[in-house]
Amino acid sequence: MGRAVKGAGGTDARRERWKGHREARRAEFVEATIRAVAAHGPDVGMDEIAHEAGVSKPVLYRHFADKSDLYLAVGQRGTEMLMDRLGPALAQDGPIRLRISRIVDAYLSVIEEHPNLYRFVVRGSFTDRPVEQDVVGEDKAMIAAALARLLGDYLRAFGLDSGGAEPWAHALVGMVQNAGDWWLDRQSMTRASLSDYLTTIIWHALDGLLRSAGVELDPDAPLTGGFSEEPRLRLVNGERT
C-alpha cells in the first residue's frame, strides 16, 4: 500500500509539472504571437507566428486547440496589459481633472504603443470559428464598472444621486474608444492633444451635471478617492462655501 500511495503521489507531481510546462509554453507562444502581430500587422498568419516562436505550426496546435483558442489567449493577455496601465490611473488620488486626464491618457498610451495588437483583438478576423467569449466587450464592461465606481463616489460625496454613474461610465468608455479608433486611423494630432480634448469634454460634462445640482467644483482642487477631506466646492444657491 505504501508503494501505491507513493506512486499516486508521483503521478500527481508529474501531472502538475506537465501542466505547469504547458502553461509556460502557451504563455511563450502568446508573447510570440504579440511580437508577430506587431511585425506583420493584424492580418498575421500562423506561419509568421510559428516562425516568430521558433517552432512548427503542428507544435503550436499541440498547445492551442485552433486559431480561435490562440486568439482568445492573446486577447486575455491584451486585457492584462491594458489593466496594468489603467489600474494605477483609476486608483490614484488627485484633482478630478487630473484623474480624468490620467485615465484617458493611460488608455490611449496602450493603443498607441500596440496599435496592431489592438486591431488584431478588436477585428477578431484571425479566428476560424465563432468564439463564445467577447474579449472587447468584457474589456469595455470592466473599465466601465471601475469608472462607474469612481463617478459614483464623486456624486455621493456631493449628496447627489449616483444612479446615473453606470450609464455615464459606459457612455464615456464608448466615446474614448471610438475617438481612439479614429485617432489610430488618422494620426492627425498628438496623443497629448487628443487626451486633452477628451479630458476637457468629460470634465465639462461632469461639471454641467454638478452645476445643475447647485454644486461648483474646482477641477484642480485635491480630492481623494475616499473623500476623507472636505472637497473644495461651494453651493451656488446653498449655504456651503
Protein backbone atom coordinates (compact mmCIF):
# COMPACT_ATOMS: atom_id res chain seq x y z
CA MET A 1 0.00 0.00 0.00
CA GLY A 2 2.88 2.31 0.76
CA ARG A 3 4.25 1.91 -2.76
CA ALA A 4 0.81 2.56 -4.30
CA VAL A 5 0.41 5.82 -2.42
CA LYS A 6 3.91 6.88 -3.38
CA GLY A 7 3.22 6.01 -6.99
CA ALA A 8 -0.02 8.00 -6.98
CA GLY A 9 1.76 10.97 -5.46
CA GLY A 10 4.49 10.73 -8.07
CA THR A 11 1.89 10.65 -10.84
CA ASP A 12 0.19 13.75 -9.45
CA ALA A 13 3.52 15.56 -9.22
CA ARG A 14 4.32 14.66 -12.82
CA ARG A 15 0.90 15.87 -13.91
CA GLU A 16 1.42 19.20 -12.14
CA ARG A 17 4.88 19.62 -13.67
CA TRP A 18 3.49 18.85 -17.13
CA LYS A 19 0.59 21.25 -16.58
CA GLY A 20 3.00 23.97 -15.50
CA HIS A 21 5.18 23.27 -18.53
CA ARG A 22 2.21 23.52 -20.91
CA GLU A 23 1.04 26.77 -19.31
CA ALA A 24 4.53 28.22 -19.61
CA ARG A 25 4.77 27.19 -23.26
CA ARG A 26 1.34 28.68 -24.01
CA ALA A 27 2.44 31.94 -22.42
CA GLU A 28 5.63 31.92 -24.54
CA PHE A 29 3.59 31.36 -27.71
CA VAL A 30 1.17 34.15 -26.78
CA GLU A 31 4.10 36.57 -26.42
CA ALA A 32 5.49 35.33 -29.73
CA THR A 33 2.10 35.98 -31.34
CA ILE A 34 2.07 39.52 -29.98
CA ARG A 35 5.52 40.12 -31.48
CA ALA A 36 4.38 38.65 -34.79
CA VAL A 37 1.29 40.87 -34.79
CA ALA A 38 3.47 43.92 -34.13
CA ALA A 39 5.77 42.98 -37.01
CA HIS A 40 3.25 41.76 -39.60
CA GLY A 41 0.06 43.57 -38.68
CA PRO A 42 -3.38 42.41 -37.51
CA ASP A 43 -3.76 40.08 -40.52
CA VAL A 44 -0.81 37.95 -39.37
CA GLY A 45 -0.94 34.27 -40.23
CA MET A 46 0.02 31.11 -38.37
CA ASP A 47 3.18 30.75 -40.49
CA GLU A 48 4.51 34.11 -39.26
CA ILE A 49 3.55 33.27 -35.68
CA ALA A 50 5.24 29.87 -35.81
CA HIS A 51 8.36 31.46 -37.29
CA GLU A 52 8.44 34.09 -34.53
CA ALA A 53 8.01 31.36 -31.91
CA GLY A 54 10.75 29.25 -33.48
CA VAL A 55 8.53 26.18 -33.82
CA SER A 56 6.44 24.47 -36.47
CA LYS A 57 2.69 25.01 -36.80
CA PRO A 58 1.92 21.48 -35.52
CA VAL A 59 3.74 22.39 -32.29
CA LEU A 60 1.54 25.46 -31.89
CA TYR A 61 -1.57 23.35 -32.44
CA ARG A 62 -0.45 20.99 -29.70
CA HIS A 63 -0.84 23.88 -27.24
CA PHE A 64 -3.88 25.62 -28.75
CA ALA A 65 -6.98 23.82 -29.98
CA ASP A 66 -7.26 26.11 -33.00
CA LYS A 67 -6.70 29.72 -34.12
CA SER A 68 -9.67 30.90 -32.06
CA ASP A 69 -8.12 29.43 -28.92
CA LEU A 70 -4.89 31.30 -29.64
CA TYR A 71 -6.85 34.50 -30.37
CA LEU A 72 -8.62 34.31 -27.00
CA ALA A 73 -5.33 33.74 -25.19
CA VAL A 74 -3.82 36.78 -26.92
CA GLY A 75 -6.94 38.82 -26.12
CA GLN A 76 -6.69 37.89 -22.45
CA ARG A 77 -3.03 38.92 -22.41
CA GLY A 78 -4.01 42.19 -24.07
CA THR A 79 -6.54 42.78 -21.29
CA GLU A 80 -3.80 42.27 -18.70
CA MET A 81 -1.58 44.79 -20.49
CA LEU A 82 -4.41 47.32 -20.63
CA MET A 83 -5.39 46.94 -16.98
CA ASP A 84 -1.75 47.10 -15.87
CA ARG A 85 -1.75 50.63 -17.28
CA LEU A 86 -5.32 51.63 -16.41
CA GLY A 87 -5.44 50.21 -12.88
CA PRO A 88 -2.99 52.68 -11.31
CA ALA A 89 -4.62 55.59 -13.16
CA LEU A 90 -8.03 54.63 -11.81
CA ALA A 91 -6.72 54.16 -8.28
CA GLN A 92 -4.58 57.30 -7.98
CA ASP A 93 -5.97 60.17 -5.96
CA GLY A 94 -5.75 63.79 -7.02
CA PRO A 95 -7.74 66.66 -8.52
CA ILE A 96 -10.66 65.43 -10.60
CA ARG A 97 -9.48 66.86 -13.92
CA LEU A 98 -6.05 65.31 -13.41
CA ARG A 99 -7.63 61.94 -12.61
CA ILE A 100 -9.69 62.09 -15.79
CA SER A 101 -6.60 63.00 -17.79
CA ARG A 102 -4.58 60.12 -16.33
CA ILE A 103 -7.28 57.57 -17.14
CA VAL A 104 -7.79 58.80 -20.70
CA ASP A 105 -4.08 59.04 -21.43
CA ALA A 106 -3.39 55.61 -19.93
CA TYR A 107 -5.86 54.04 -22.36
CA LEU A 108 -4.52 55.99 -25.34
CA SER A 109 -0.93 55.13 -24.42
CA VAL A 110 -1.68 51.41 -24.68
CA ILE A 111 -3.32 51.57 -28.10
CA GLU A 112 -0.59 53.92 -29.32
CA GLU A 113 2.17 51.52 -28.23
CA HIS A 114 0.36 48.41 -29.52
CA PRO A 115 -1.78 49.54 -32.48
CA ASN A 116 -1.56 46.26 -34.38
CA LEU A 117 -2.39 44.22 -31.30
CA TYR A 118 -5.38 46.48 -30.66
CA ARG A 119 -6.64 45.99 -34.22
CA PHE A 120 -5.95 42.25 -34.05
CA VAL A 121 -8.14 41.89 -30.96
CA VAL A 122 -10.88 44.33 -31.99
CA ARG A 123 -11.32 42.96 -35.52
CA GLY A 124 -11.36 39.33 -34.44
CA SER A 125 -10.70 38.28 -38.04
CA PHE A 126 -7.97 35.83 -37.00
CA THR A 127 -10.50 33.40 -35.54
CA ASP A 128 -11.54 30.34 -37.53
CA ARG A 129 -14.80 29.78 -35.66
CA PRO A 130 -17.25 31.85 -33.59
CA VAL A 131 -15.87 32.43 -30.11
CA GLU A 132 -18.07 32.40 -27.04
CA GLN A 133 -16.01 34.98 -25.17
CA ASP A 134 -16.25 38.62 -26.27
CA VAL A 135 -12.85 39.94 -25.25
CA VAL A 136 -13.51 43.52 -26.39
CA GLY A 137 -16.93 43.65 -24.75
CA GLU A 138 -15.54 42.29 -21.49
CA ASP A 139 -12.76 44.88 -21.50
CA LYS A 140 -15.25 47.71 -22.01
CA ALA A 141 -17.51 46.36 -19.25
CA MET A 142 -14.56 46.02 -16.86
CA ILE A 143 -13.35 49.57 -17.47
CA ALA A 144 -16.88 50.97 -17.27
CA ALA A 145 -17.51 49.19 -13.95
CA ALA A 146 -14.34 50.70 -12.44
CA LEU A 147 -15.20 54.13 -13.81
CA ALA A 148 -18.80 53.86 -12.52
CA ARG A 149 -17.47 53.25 -9.02
CA LEU A 150 -15.28 56.34 -9.29
CA LEU A 151 -18.11 58.53 -10.63
CA GLY A 152 -20.49 57.14 -8.03
CA ASP A 153 -18.06 58.08 -5.26
CA TYR A 154 -17.89 61.66 -6.53
CA LEU A 155 -21.65 62.03 -6.89
CA ARG A 156 -22.38 60.57 -3.45
CA ALA A 157 -19.69 62.81 -1.91
CA PHE A 158 -21.74 65.81 -3.01
CA GLY A 159 -25.03 64.31 -1.87
CA LEU A 160 -26.18 63.63 -5.43
CA ASP A 161 -27.99 60.64 -6.88
CA SER A 162 -25.37 58.16 -8.12
CA GLY A 163 -27.88 56.14 -10.15
CA GLY A 164 -26.59 57.62 -13.38
CA ALA A 165 -22.96 56.66 -12.74
CA GLU A 166 -23.19 53.36 -14.61
CA PRO A 167 -24.74 54.63 -17.89
CA TRP A 168 -22.41 57.61 -17.73
CA ALA A 169 -19.42 55.33 -17.38
CA HIS A 170 -20.44 53.17 -20.35
CA ALA A 171 -21.06 56.27 -22.46
CA LEU A 172 -17.63 57.69 -21.60
CA VAL A 173 -15.86 54.41 -22.34
CA GLY A 174 -17.58 54.21 -25.72
CA MET A 175 -16.65 57.80 -26.54
CA VAL A 176 -12.98 57.36 -25.67
CA GLN A 177 -12.75 54.06 -27.56
CA ASN A 178 -14.38 55.49 -30.69
CA ALA A 179 -12.14 58.56 -30.56
CA GLY A 180 -9.14 56.25 -30.13
CA ASP A 181 -10.20 54.22 -33.19
CA TRP A 182 -10.46 57.39 -35.25
CA TRP A 183 -7.10 58.63 -33.99
CA LEU A 184 -5.28 55.39 -34.78
CA ASP A 185 -6.51 55.58 -38.37
CA ARG A 186 -5.93 59.31 -38.89
CA GLN A 187 -2.96 60.22 -36.65
CA SER A 188 -3.88 63.85 -37.31
CA MET A 189 -2.90 65.04 -33.83
CA THR A 190 -0.65 64.02 -30.99
CA ARG A 191 -1.77 61.71 -28.21
CA ALA A 192 -1.38 64.58 -25.77
CA SER A 193 -3.73 66.76 -27.83
CA LEU A 194 -6.38 64.07 -28.11
CA SER A 195 -6.08 63.29 -24.40
CA ASP A 196 -6.55 66.97 -23.58
CA TYR A 197 -9.60 67.29 -25.84
CA LEU A 198 -11.27 64.22 -24.35
CA THR A 199 -10.42 65.27 -20.81
CA THR A 200 -11.99 68.68 -21.44
CA ILE A 201 -15.18 67.13 -22.84
CA ILE A 202 -15.52 64.70 -19.93
CA TRP A 203 -14.79 67.33 -17.31
CA HIS A 204 -17.32 69.81 -18.71
CA ALA A 205 -19.97 67.09 -18.89
CA LEU A 206 -19.38 66.26 -15.22
CA ASP A 207 -19.17 69.95 -14.33
CA GLY A 208 -22.51 70.57 -16.03
CA LEU A 209 -24.12 67.76 -14.04
CA LEU A 210 -22.77 69.13 -10.77
CA ARG A 211 -23.82 72.70 -11.59
CA SER A 212 -27.33 71.54 -12.42
CA ALA A 213 -27.48 70.33 -8.82
CA GLY A 214 -26.10 73.62 -7.50
CA VAL A 215 -22.52 72.46 -6.98
CA GLU A 216 -19.42 74.21 -8.30
CA LEU A 217 -16.23 72.17 -8.08
CA ASP A 218 -12.69 73.40 -8.62
CA PRO A 219 -11.29 70.85 -11.11
CA ASP A 220 -7.75 71.41 -9.85
CA ALA A 221 -8.50 71.09 -6.13
CA PRO A 222 -7.11 67.98 -4.36
CA LEU A 223 -9.87 65.43 -3.86
CA THR A 224 -9.14 61.96 -2.55
CA GLY A 225 -10.91 58.80 -3.62
CA GLY A 226 -12.02 58.20 -0.05
CA PHE A 227 -13.16 61.82 0.37
CA SER A 228 -11.63 61.94 3.82
CA GLU A 229 -11.04 65.66 3.39
CA GLU A 230 -13.68 68.30 2.75
CA PRO A 231 -13.88 68.88 -1.02
CA ARG A 232 -13.20 72.42 -2.15
CA LEU A 233 -16.61 73.39 -3.51
CA ARG A 234 -19.44 75.80 -2.96
CA LEU A 235 -23.16 75.59 -3.45
CA VAL A 236 -24.47 78.15 -5.88
CA ASN A 237 -27.76 78.57 -4.05
CA GLY A 238 -26.89 76.99 -0.73
CA GLU A 239 -25.02 77.58 2.45
CA ARG A 240 -21.81 75.54 1.98
CA THR A 241 -18.83 77.60 0.83
